[in-house]
Amino acid sequence: MAKVSNKVKTSDLELKDRLVAINRVTKVTKGGRTFSFSAIVVVGDEKGIVGWGLGKASEVTTAISKGVDAAKKNLVKIPVINGTIPHEQTAKFGGADVLLKPATSGTGVKAGGAMRAVLESVGIHDILAKSKGSSNPHNLVKATMAALLEMRDAYTVAQHRGVSLEKVFKG
């Protein structure tokens, strides 16, 4: 089965960035303590395109801007149908285990922390999400992105199989 690339070019996109987490790291040296910061950032156009990045620097603002630049380099397209996802999906990354379920219109984004930032950046308005296992924001973002990357809408499935859209639903 050929893997379809869903990488997106950054030109002509209005991307909004969301800060997921900032971590202060202390390095003890002979001269004393040296502080540096790492920032996890999620960017998206709220129309199905999202990417995440990690930035590290000695200042918070520099770390965030590096994270935004890194996020813009790995943007991907996610299928969003009527403000929700096409089907239920689970994914695991490290200790984080996530479950994403489509929801009816008006439900809202039922997700917490790092998952909420990713889902809102994609443009999903109605979803039920559960984080099982680790609440580490690094692994949660990666697990959520892994679950979203495995999403396929019916049109893509029909095109990949070489059949009509009606035949996909009949089985």
N, C-alpha and C. Protein backbone atom coordinates (compact mmCIF):
# COMPACT_ATOMS: atom_id res chain seq x y z
N MET A 1 0.85 -1.18 0.00
CA MET A 1 0.00 0.00 0.00
C MET A 1 0.89 1.24 0.00
N ALA A 2 0.71 2.12 -0.94
CA ALA A 2 1.51 3.33 -1.05
C ALA A 2 1.05 4.36 -0.04
N LYS A 3 1.99 4.95 0.66
CA LYS A 3 1.68 5.96 1.67
C LYS A 3 1.49 7.30 0.96
N VAL A 4 0.35 7.92 1.18
CA VAL A 4 0.05 9.21 0.56
C VAL A 4 0.58 10.31 1.45
N SER A 5 1.40 11.17 0.89
CA SER A 5 1.96 12.28 1.66
C SER A 5 0.93 13.40 1.74
N ASN A 6 0.74 13.92 2.95
CA ASN A 6 -0.19 15.04 3.09
C ASN A 6 0.51 16.27 3.64
N LYS A 7 1.76 16.47 3.20
CA LYS A 7 2.52 17.66 3.56
C LYS A 7 1.93 18.87 2.85
N VAL A 8 2.03 20.04 3.50
CA VAL A 8 1.41 21.26 2.98
C VAL A 8 2.46 22.35 2.90
N LYS A 9 2.38 23.16 1.87
CA LYS A 9 3.29 24.32 1.74
C LYS A 9 2.77 25.47 2.59
N THR A 10 3.67 26.28 3.14
CA THR A 10 3.27 27.35 4.07
C THR A 10 2.82 28.62 3.37
N SER A 11 3.07 28.76 2.07
CA SER A 11 2.69 30.00 1.39
C SER A 11 1.17 30.13 1.31
N ASP A 12 0.70 31.34 1.44
CA ASP A 12 -0.73 31.68 1.34
C ASP A 12 -1.60 31.04 2.43
N LEU A 13 -1.05 30.84 3.61
CA LEU A 13 -1.82 30.32 4.73
C LEU A 13 -1.81 31.33 5.87
N GLU A 14 -2.97 31.49 6.52
CA GLU A 14 -3.04 32.33 7.71
C GLU A 14 -2.98 31.41 8.91
N LEU A 15 -1.79 31.24 9.45
CA LEU A 15 -1.58 30.30 10.55
C LEU A 15 -1.66 31.01 11.89
N LYS A 16 -2.34 30.36 12.83
CA LYS A 16 -2.41 30.86 14.21
C LYS A 16 -1.61 29.91 15.07
N ASP A 17 -0.77 30.48 15.96
CA ASP A 17 0.02 29.61 16.81
C ASP A 17 -0.54 29.57 18.22
N ARG A 18 -0.45 28.38 18.82
CA ARG A 18 -0.90 28.17 20.20
C ARG A 18 0.25 27.57 20.99
N LEU A 19 0.53 28.17 22.13
CA LEU A 19 1.57 27.67 23.00
C LEU A 19 1.00 26.54 23.86
N VAL A 20 1.59 25.36 23.79
CA VAL A 20 1.11 24.22 24.55
C VAL A 20 1.78 24.18 25.92
N ALA A 21 3.09 24.29 25.96
CA ALA A 21 3.81 24.21 27.23
C ALA A 21 5.17 24.88 27.13
N ILE A 22 5.61 25.43 28.26
CA ILE A 22 6.97 25.97 28.37
C ILE A 22 7.64 25.23 29.52
N ASN A 23 8.87 24.81 29.29
CA ASN A 23 9.62 24.10 30.31
C ASN A 23 10.93 24.83 30.58
N ARG A 24 11.21 25.12 31.86
CA ARG A 24 12.48 25.75 32.22
C ARG A 24 13.46 24.65 32.58
N VAL A 25 14.60 24.66 31.92
CA VAL A 25 15.63 23.66 32.14
C VAL A 25 16.82 24.33 32.81
N THR A 26 17.33 23.72 33.87
CA THR A 26 18.47 24.28 34.59
C THR A 26 19.69 23.39 34.39
N LYS A 27 20.79 24.01 33.97
CA LYS A 27 22.04 23.29 33.79
C LYS A 27 23.02 23.86 34.81
N VAL A 28 23.51 23.03 35.69
CA VAL A 28 24.45 23.47 36.72
C VAL A 28 25.87 23.30 36.20
N THR A 29 26.59 24.40 36.15
CA THR A 29 27.98 24.39 35.68
C THR A 29 28.90 24.90 36.78
N LYS A 30 30.18 24.95 36.49
CA LYS A 30 31.16 25.44 37.44
C LYS A 30 30.88 26.88 37.84
N GLY A 31 30.38 27.66 36.90
CA GLY A 31 30.11 29.08 37.14
C GLY A 31 28.75 29.35 37.77
N GLY A 32 27.94 28.34 37.99
CA GLY A 32 26.62 28.53 38.57
C GLY A 32 25.54 27.86 37.73
N ARG A 33 24.32 28.33 37.90
CA ARG A 33 23.20 27.74 37.17
C ARG A 33 22.95 28.50 35.87
N THR A 34 22.68 27.73 34.81
CA THR A 34 22.32 28.32 33.52
C THR A 34 20.90 27.88 33.20
N PHE A 35 20.01 28.86 32.97
CA PHE A 35 18.62 28.54 32.65
C PHE A 35 18.39 28.60 31.16
N SER A 36 17.63 27.65 30.65
CA SER A 36 17.18 27.70 29.26
C SER A 36 15.73 27.25 29.24
N PHE A 37 15.05 27.52 28.13
CA PHE A 37 13.62 27.25 28.03
C PHE A 37 13.33 26.42 26.78
N SER A 38 12.36 25.51 26.90
CA SER A 38 11.87 24.79 25.73
C SER A 38 10.37 25.04 25.63
N ALA A 39 9.89 25.25 24.43
CA ALA A 39 8.48 25.57 24.20
C ALA A 39 7.90 24.66 23.13
N ILE A 40 6.75 24.07 23.43
CA ILE A 40 6.02 23.27 22.45
C ILE A 40 4.93 24.15 21.87
N VAL A 41 4.92 24.29 20.56
CA VAL A 41 3.98 25.18 19.88
C VAL A 41 3.23 24.40 18.80
N VAL A 42 1.93 24.69 18.68
CA VAL A 42 1.11 24.10 17.63
C VAL A 42 0.60 25.24 16.75
N VAL A 43 0.76 25.11 15.43
CA VAL A 43 0.23 26.11 14.51
C VAL A 43 -0.78 25.46 13.59
N GLY A 44 -1.79 26.23 13.19
CA GLY A 44 -2.80 25.71 12.28
C GLY A 44 -3.62 26.84 11.70
N ASP A 45 -4.31 26.54 10.61
CA ASP A 45 -5.16 27.55 9.97
C ASP A 45 -6.62 27.38 10.34
N GLU A 46 -6.94 26.41 11.20
CA GLU A 46 -8.30 26.10 11.64
C GLU A 46 -9.20 25.68 10.49
N LYS A 47 -8.58 25.16 9.41
CA LYS A 47 -9.32 24.65 8.26
C LYS A 47 -8.77 23.30 7.84
N GLY A 48 -8.13 22.59 8.78
CA GLY A 48 -7.63 21.25 8.46
C GLY A 48 -6.13 21.13 8.35
N ILE A 49 -5.41 22.23 8.49
CA ILE A 49 -3.95 22.18 8.38
C ILE A 49 -3.34 22.47 9.75
N VAL A 50 -2.40 21.60 10.17
CA VAL A 50 -1.81 21.74 11.50
C VAL A 50 -0.37 21.23 11.49
N GLY A 51 0.43 21.75 12.40
CA GLY A 51 1.80 21.29 12.58
C GLY A 51 2.25 21.63 13.99
N TRP A 52 3.23 20.92 14.49
CA TRP A 52 3.74 21.20 15.83
C TRP A 52 5.26 21.33 15.77
N GLY A 53 5.80 22.06 16.75
CA GLY A 53 7.24 22.25 16.78
C GLY A 53 7.75 22.47 18.19
N LEU A 54 9.01 22.19 18.39
CA LEU A 54 9.68 22.37 19.67
C LEU A 54 10.81 23.35 19.48
N GLY A 55 10.83 24.40 20.31
CA GLY A 55 11.89 25.39 20.24
C GLY A 55 12.63 25.48 21.56
N LYS A 56 13.95 25.58 21.50
CA LYS A 56 14.76 25.69 22.71
C LYS A 56 15.65 26.91 22.58
N ALA A 57 15.70 27.71 23.65
CA ALA A 57 16.54 28.90 23.65
C ALA A 57 16.75 29.37 25.09
N SER A 58 17.62 30.38 25.25
CA SER A 58 17.89 30.91 26.59
C SER A 58 16.84 31.91 27.04
N GLU A 59 15.97 32.33 26.12
CA GLU A 59 14.87 33.25 26.46
C GLU A 59 13.56 32.63 25.98
N VAL A 60 12.47 32.97 26.71
CA VAL A 60 11.16 32.38 26.41
C VAL A 60 10.67 32.78 25.02
N THR A 61 10.76 34.07 24.70
CA THR A 61 10.24 34.54 23.41
C THR A 61 10.98 33.92 22.24
N THR A 62 12.30 33.76 22.38
CA THR A 62 13.09 33.13 21.32
C THR A 62 12.71 31.66 21.17
N ALA A 63 12.50 30.98 22.30
CA ALA A 63 12.10 29.56 22.26
C ALA A 63 10.75 29.40 21.56
N ILE A 64 9.81 30.31 21.85
CA ILE A 64 8.49 30.24 21.22
C ILE A 64 8.60 30.48 19.72
N SER A 65 9.38 31.48 19.31
CA SER A 65 9.50 31.76 17.88
C SER A 65 10.21 30.63 17.14
N LYS A 66 11.18 29.98 17.79
CA LYS A 66 11.83 28.82 17.18
C LYS A 66 10.84 27.66 17.05
N GLY A 67 9.97 27.50 18.05
CA GLY A 67 8.94 26.47 18.01
C GLY A 67 7.96 26.71 16.87
N VAL A 68 7.57 27.97 16.67
CA VAL A 68 6.66 28.32 15.57
C VAL A 68 7.31 28.01 14.23
N ASP A 69 8.59 28.36 14.09
CA ASP A 69 9.30 28.08 12.84
C ASP A 69 9.37 26.58 12.57
N ALA A 70 9.65 25.81 13.62
CA ALA A 70 9.71 24.34 13.47
C ALA A 70 8.35 23.77 13.12
N ALA A 71 7.28 24.33 13.70
CA ALA A 71 5.92 23.85 13.43
C ALA A 71 5.53 24.14 11.98
N LYS A 72 5.95 25.26 11.45
CA LYS A 72 5.61 25.62 10.07
C LYS A 72 6.29 24.70 9.06
N LYS A 73 7.37 24.04 9.48
CA LYS A 73 8.11 23.16 8.57
C LYS A 73 7.46 21.79 8.42
N ASN A 74 6.59 21.39 9.36
CA ASN A 74 5.96 20.07 9.22
C ASN A 74 4.43 20.15 9.30
N LEU A 75 3.86 21.00 8.46
CA LEU A 75 2.40 21.13 8.37
C LEU A 75 1.81 19.95 7.61
N VAL A 76 0.66 19.47 8.09
CA VAL A 76 -0.03 18.37 7.42
C VAL A 76 -1.52 18.70 7.29
N LYS A 77 -2.17 18.05 6.33
CA LYS A 77 -3.61 18.23 6.09
C LYS A 77 -4.37 17.11 6.78
N ILE A 78 -5.39 17.49 7.56
CA ILE A 78 -6.22 16.54 8.29
C ILE A 78 -7.65 16.63 7.76
N PRO A 79 -8.32 15.50 7.50
CA PRO A 79 -9.70 15.57 7.03
C PRO A 79 -10.66 15.99 8.15
N VAL A 80 -11.37 17.10 7.93
CA VAL A 80 -12.37 17.59 8.88
C VAL A 80 -13.69 17.65 8.13
N ILE A 81 -14.71 16.94 8.65
CA ILE A 81 -16.02 16.89 8.00
C ILE A 81 -17.06 17.48 8.94
N ASN A 82 -17.69 18.57 8.53
CA ASN A 82 -18.71 19.26 9.32
C ASN A 82 -18.23 19.59 10.73
N GLY A 83 -16.98 20.01 10.86
CA GLY A 83 -16.45 20.42 12.16
C GLY A 83 -16.06 19.29 13.08
N THR A 84 -16.06 18.05 12.59
CA THR A 84 -15.63 16.92 13.42
C THR A 84 -14.75 15.98 12.58
N ILE A 85 -14.35 14.88 13.17
CA ILE A 85 -13.48 13.93 12.48
C ILE A 85 -14.33 12.85 11.79
N PRO A 86 -13.80 12.18 10.76
CA PRO A 86 -14.59 11.20 10.02
C PRO A 86 -14.91 9.92 10.80
N HIS A 87 -14.04 9.49 11.70
CA HIS A 87 -14.27 8.24 12.41
C HIS A 87 -13.49 8.23 13.73
N GLU A 88 -13.79 7.23 14.56
CA GLU A 88 -13.10 7.06 15.84
C GLU A 88 -11.67 6.62 15.59
N GLN A 89 -10.74 7.09 16.44
CA GLN A 89 -9.33 6.75 16.23
C GLN A 89 -8.60 6.75 17.56
N THR A 90 -7.69 5.80 17.73
CA THR A 90 -6.82 5.78 18.90
C THR A 90 -5.38 5.83 18.41
N ALA A 91 -4.49 6.32 19.28
CA ALA A 91 -3.07 6.35 18.96
C ALA A 91 -2.28 6.37 20.26
N LYS A 92 -1.04 5.94 20.16
CA LYS A 92 -0.17 5.89 21.33
C LYS A 92 1.19 6.43 20.94
N PHE A 93 1.77 7.23 21.82
CA PHE A 93 3.13 7.69 21.64
C PHE A 93 3.77 7.76 23.02
N GLY A 94 4.81 6.98 23.22
CA GLY A 94 5.45 6.92 24.54
C GLY A 94 4.43 6.42 25.56
N GLY A 95 4.26 7.17 26.64
CA GLY A 95 3.31 6.79 27.67
C GLY A 95 1.92 7.36 27.45
N ALA A 96 1.77 8.23 26.44
CA ALA A 96 0.47 8.87 26.18
C ALA A 96 -0.36 8.01 25.24
N ASP A 97 -1.62 7.82 25.61
CA ASP A 97 -2.56 7.04 24.81
C ASP A 97 -3.80 7.92 24.63
N VAL A 98 -4.20 8.18 23.38
CA VAL A 98 -5.33 9.08 23.14
C VAL A 98 -6.44 8.37 22.38
N LEU A 99 -7.67 8.80 22.65
CA LEU A 99 -8.87 8.31 21.98
C LEU A 99 -9.62 9.51 21.45
N LEU A 100 -9.92 9.51 20.16
CA LEU A 100 -10.68 10.59 19.53
C LEU A 100 -11.97 10.01 18.96
N LYS A 101 -13.11 10.64 19.29
CA LYS A 101 -14.40 10.20 18.77
C LYS A 101 -15.11 11.37 18.12
N PRO A 102 -15.76 11.15 16.97
CA PRO A 102 -16.55 12.23 16.38
C PRO A 102 -17.75 12.55 17.26
N ALA A 103 -18.19 13.81 17.23
CA ALA A 103 -19.33 14.23 18.04
C ALA A 103 -20.31 15.02 17.18
N THR A 104 -21.55 15.08 17.64
CA THR A 104 -22.58 15.82 16.90
C THR A 104 -22.35 17.32 17.04
N SER A 105 -22.96 18.07 16.15
CA SER A 105 -22.81 19.52 16.15
C SER A 105 -23.32 20.12 17.45
N GLY A 106 -22.55 21.03 18.03
CA GLY A 106 -22.93 21.68 19.27
C GLY A 106 -22.28 21.08 20.50
N THR A 107 -21.57 19.97 20.34
CA THR A 107 -20.92 19.31 21.48
C THR A 107 -19.74 20.13 21.99
N GLY A 108 -18.95 20.67 21.10
CA GLY A 108 -17.76 21.42 21.48
C GLY A 108 -16.55 20.51 21.53
N VAL A 109 -15.42 21.08 21.91
CA VAL A 109 -14.18 20.32 22.02
C VAL A 109 -14.05 19.82 23.44
N LYS A 110 -14.34 18.54 23.65
CA LYS A 110 -14.23 17.93 24.97
C LYS A 110 -12.85 17.28 25.05
N ALA A 111 -11.86 18.09 25.32
CA ALA A 111 -10.48 17.61 25.43
C ALA A 111 -9.73 18.55 26.36
N GLY A 112 -8.66 18.07 26.90
CA GLY A 112 -7.92 18.89 27.84
C GLY A 112 -6.50 19.15 27.40
N GLY A 113 -5.97 20.27 27.87
CA GLY A 113 -4.56 20.59 27.74
C GLY A 113 -4.01 20.57 26.35
N ALA A 114 -2.99 19.73 26.18
CA ALA A 114 -2.26 19.67 24.92
C ALA A 114 -3.13 19.20 23.76
N MET A 115 -4.05 18.27 24.04
CA MET A 115 -4.93 17.77 22.98
C MET A 115 -5.84 18.87 22.46
N ARG A 116 -6.36 19.69 23.36
CA ARG A 116 -7.25 20.80 22.97
C ARG A 116 -6.55 21.75 22.02
N ALA A 117 -5.30 22.10 22.31
CA ALA A 117 -4.55 23.02 21.45
C ALA A 117 -4.41 22.47 20.04
N VAL A 118 -4.09 21.19 19.93
CA VAL A 118 -3.93 20.57 18.61
C VAL A 118 -5.27 20.53 17.87
N LEU A 119 -6.33 20.08 18.55
CA LEU A 119 -7.63 19.93 17.90
C LEU A 119 -8.22 21.27 17.47
N GLU A 120 -8.04 22.31 18.30
CA GLU A 120 -8.55 23.62 17.91
C GLU A 120 -7.75 24.22 16.76
N SER A 121 -6.45 23.95 16.71
CA SER A 121 -5.62 24.44 15.61
C SER A 121 -6.01 23.79 14.29
N VAL A 122 -6.45 22.53 14.33
CA VAL A 122 -6.91 21.84 13.12
C VAL A 122 -8.19 22.48 12.60
N GLY A 123 -9.05 22.92 13.52
CA GLY A 123 -10.33 23.48 13.13
C GLY A 123 -11.49 22.57 13.47
N ILE A 124 -11.26 21.63 14.36
CA ILE A 124 -12.31 20.73 14.81
C ILE A 124 -13.11 21.42 15.91
N HIS A 125 -14.43 21.51 15.73
CA HIS A 125 -15.29 22.21 16.69
C HIS A 125 -16.06 21.26 17.58
N ASP A 126 -16.29 20.03 17.14
CA ASP A 126 -17.08 19.06 17.89
C ASP A 126 -16.32 17.73 17.94
N ILE A 127 -15.85 17.37 19.12
CA ILE A 127 -15.11 16.12 19.27
C ILE A 127 -15.10 15.69 20.73
N LEU A 128 -15.08 14.39 20.93
CA LEU A 128 -14.90 13.82 22.26
C LEU A 128 -13.52 13.19 22.28
N ALA A 129 -12.67 13.63 23.20
CA ALA A 129 -11.30 13.14 23.26
C ALA A 129 -10.96 12.73 24.68
N LYS A 130 -10.21 11.66 24.79
CA LYS A 130 -9.80 11.18 26.10
C LYS A 130 -8.31 10.86 26.07
N SER A 131 -7.61 11.37 27.08
CA SER A 131 -6.19 11.10 27.22
C SER A 131 -6.02 10.05 28.30
N LYS A 132 -5.45 8.91 27.92
CA LYS A 132 -5.20 7.85 28.88
C LYS A 132 -3.69 7.70 29.03
N GLY A 133 -3.24 7.41 30.22
CA GLY A 133 -1.80 7.25 30.42
C GLY A 133 -1.15 8.56 30.81
N SER A 134 0.01 8.79 30.25
CA SER A 134 0.83 9.95 30.61
C SER A 134 0.17 11.27 30.19
N SER A 135 0.36 12.30 31.00
CA SER A 135 -0.14 13.63 30.65
C SER A 135 1.00 14.54 30.19
N ASN A 136 2.13 13.95 29.87
CA ASN A 136 3.28 14.70 29.36
C ASN A 136 2.90 15.41 28.06
N PRO A 137 2.98 16.75 28.02
CA PRO A 137 2.52 17.48 26.83
C PRO A 137 3.26 17.10 25.55
N HIS A 138 4.55 16.77 25.64
CA HIS A 138 5.31 16.36 24.44
C HIS A 138 4.66 15.12 23.82
N ASN A 139 4.45 14.10 24.64
CA ASN A 139 3.90 12.85 24.13
C ASN A 139 2.43 12.98 23.76
N LEU A 140 1.67 13.82 24.47
CA LEU A 140 0.26 14.03 24.13
C LEU A 140 0.11 14.68 22.76
N VAL A 141 0.92 15.68 22.48
CA VAL A 141 0.86 16.34 21.17
C VAL A 141 1.21 15.35 20.07
N LYS A 142 2.26 14.56 20.29
CA LYS A 142 2.69 13.59 19.28
C LYS A 142 1.65 12.49 19.08
N ALA A 143 1.02 12.02 20.17
CA ALA A 143 -0.01 10.98 20.05
C ALA A 143 -1.25 11.52 19.34
N THR A 144 -1.64 12.76 19.67
CA THR A 144 -2.80 13.38 19.02
C THR A 144 -2.55 13.56 17.53
N MET A 145 -1.35 14.02 17.18
CA MET A 145 -1.01 14.18 15.77
C MET A 145 -0.99 12.83 15.06
N ALA A 146 -0.50 11.79 15.74
CA ALA A 146 -0.48 10.45 15.13
C ALA A 146 -1.90 9.96 14.85
N ALA A 147 -2.81 10.20 15.80
CA ALA A 147 -4.20 9.80 15.61
C ALA A 147 -4.83 10.58 14.45
N LEU A 148 -4.57 11.87 14.37
CA LEU A 148 -5.14 12.69 13.29
C LEU A 148 -4.56 12.30 11.93
N LEU A 149 -3.28 11.92 11.89
CA LEU A 149 -2.67 11.53 10.62
C LEU A 149 -3.21 10.21 10.09
N GLU A 150 -3.77 9.38 10.95
CA GLU A 150 -4.36 8.11 10.51
C GLU A 150 -5.80 8.27 10.02
N MET A 151 -6.38 9.47 10.16
CA MET A 151 -7.75 9.73 9.72
C MET A 151 -7.83 9.69 8.19
N ARG A 152 -8.89 9.05 7.69
CA ARG A 152 -9.17 9.06 6.25
C ARG A 152 -10.65 9.27 6.04
N ASP A 153 -11.00 10.16 5.15
CA ASP A 153 -12.41 10.35 4.84
C ASP A 153 -12.84 9.37 3.75
N ALA A 154 -14.13 9.23 3.57
CA ALA A 154 -14.68 8.24 2.64
C ALA A 154 -14.22 8.49 1.20
N TYR A 155 -14.08 9.75 0.81
CA TYR A 155 -13.65 10.07 -0.55
C TYR A 155 -12.24 9.56 -0.80
N THR A 156 -11.35 9.73 0.17
CA THR A 156 -9.96 9.26 0.04
C THR A 156 -9.91 7.74 -0.03
N VAL A 157 -10.72 7.06 0.78
CA VAL A 157 -10.77 5.60 0.78
C VAL A 157 -11.26 5.10 -0.58
N ALA A 158 -12.30 5.72 -1.11
CA ALA A 158 -12.84 5.33 -2.42
C ALA A 158 -11.80 5.54 -3.52
N GLN A 159 -11.11 6.65 -3.47
CA GLN A 159 -10.09 6.97 -4.47
C GLN A 159 -8.93 5.97 -4.38
N HIS A 160 -8.53 5.63 -3.16
CA HIS A 160 -7.42 4.70 -2.96
C HIS A 160 -7.77 3.29 -3.43
N ARG A 161 -9.02 2.87 -3.21
CA ARG A 161 -9.46 1.54 -3.63
C ARG A 161 -9.83 1.48 -5.10
N GLY A 162 -10.08 2.64 -5.70
CA GLY A 162 -10.46 2.68 -7.11
C GLY A 162 -11.91 2.31 -7.33
N VAL A 163 -12.77 2.60 -6.35
CA VAL A 163 -14.20 2.30 -6.48
C VAL A 163 -15.00 3.59 -6.27
N SER A 164 -16.31 3.46 -6.49
CA SER A 164 -17.16 4.64 -6.32
C SER A 164 -17.41 4.90 -4.83
N LEU A 165 -17.83 6.11 -4.51
CA LEU A 165 -18.08 6.51 -3.13
C LEU A 165 -19.23 5.70 -2.53
N GLU A 166 -20.24 5.36 -3.33
CA GLU A 166 -21.37 4.58 -2.83
C GLU A 166 -20.94 3.16 -2.44
N LYS A 167 -19.99 2.59 -3.19
CA LYS A 167 -19.55 1.24 -2.92
C LYS A 167 -18.76 1.15 -1.60
N VAL A 168 -18.13 2.24 -1.19
CA VAL A 168 -17.40 2.27 0.09
C VAL A 168 -18.36 2.07 1.24
N PHE A 169 -19.53 2.70 1.18
CA PHE A 169 -20.50 2.60 2.26
C PHE A 169 -21.28 1.29 2.25
N LYS A 170 -21.41 0.65 1.08
CA LYS A 170 -22.14 -0.61 1.00
C LYS A 170 -21.32 -1.77 1.54
N GLY A 171 -19.99 -1.63 1.56
CA GLY A 171 -19.16 -2.67 2.15
C GLY A 171 -18.40 -3.39 1.13
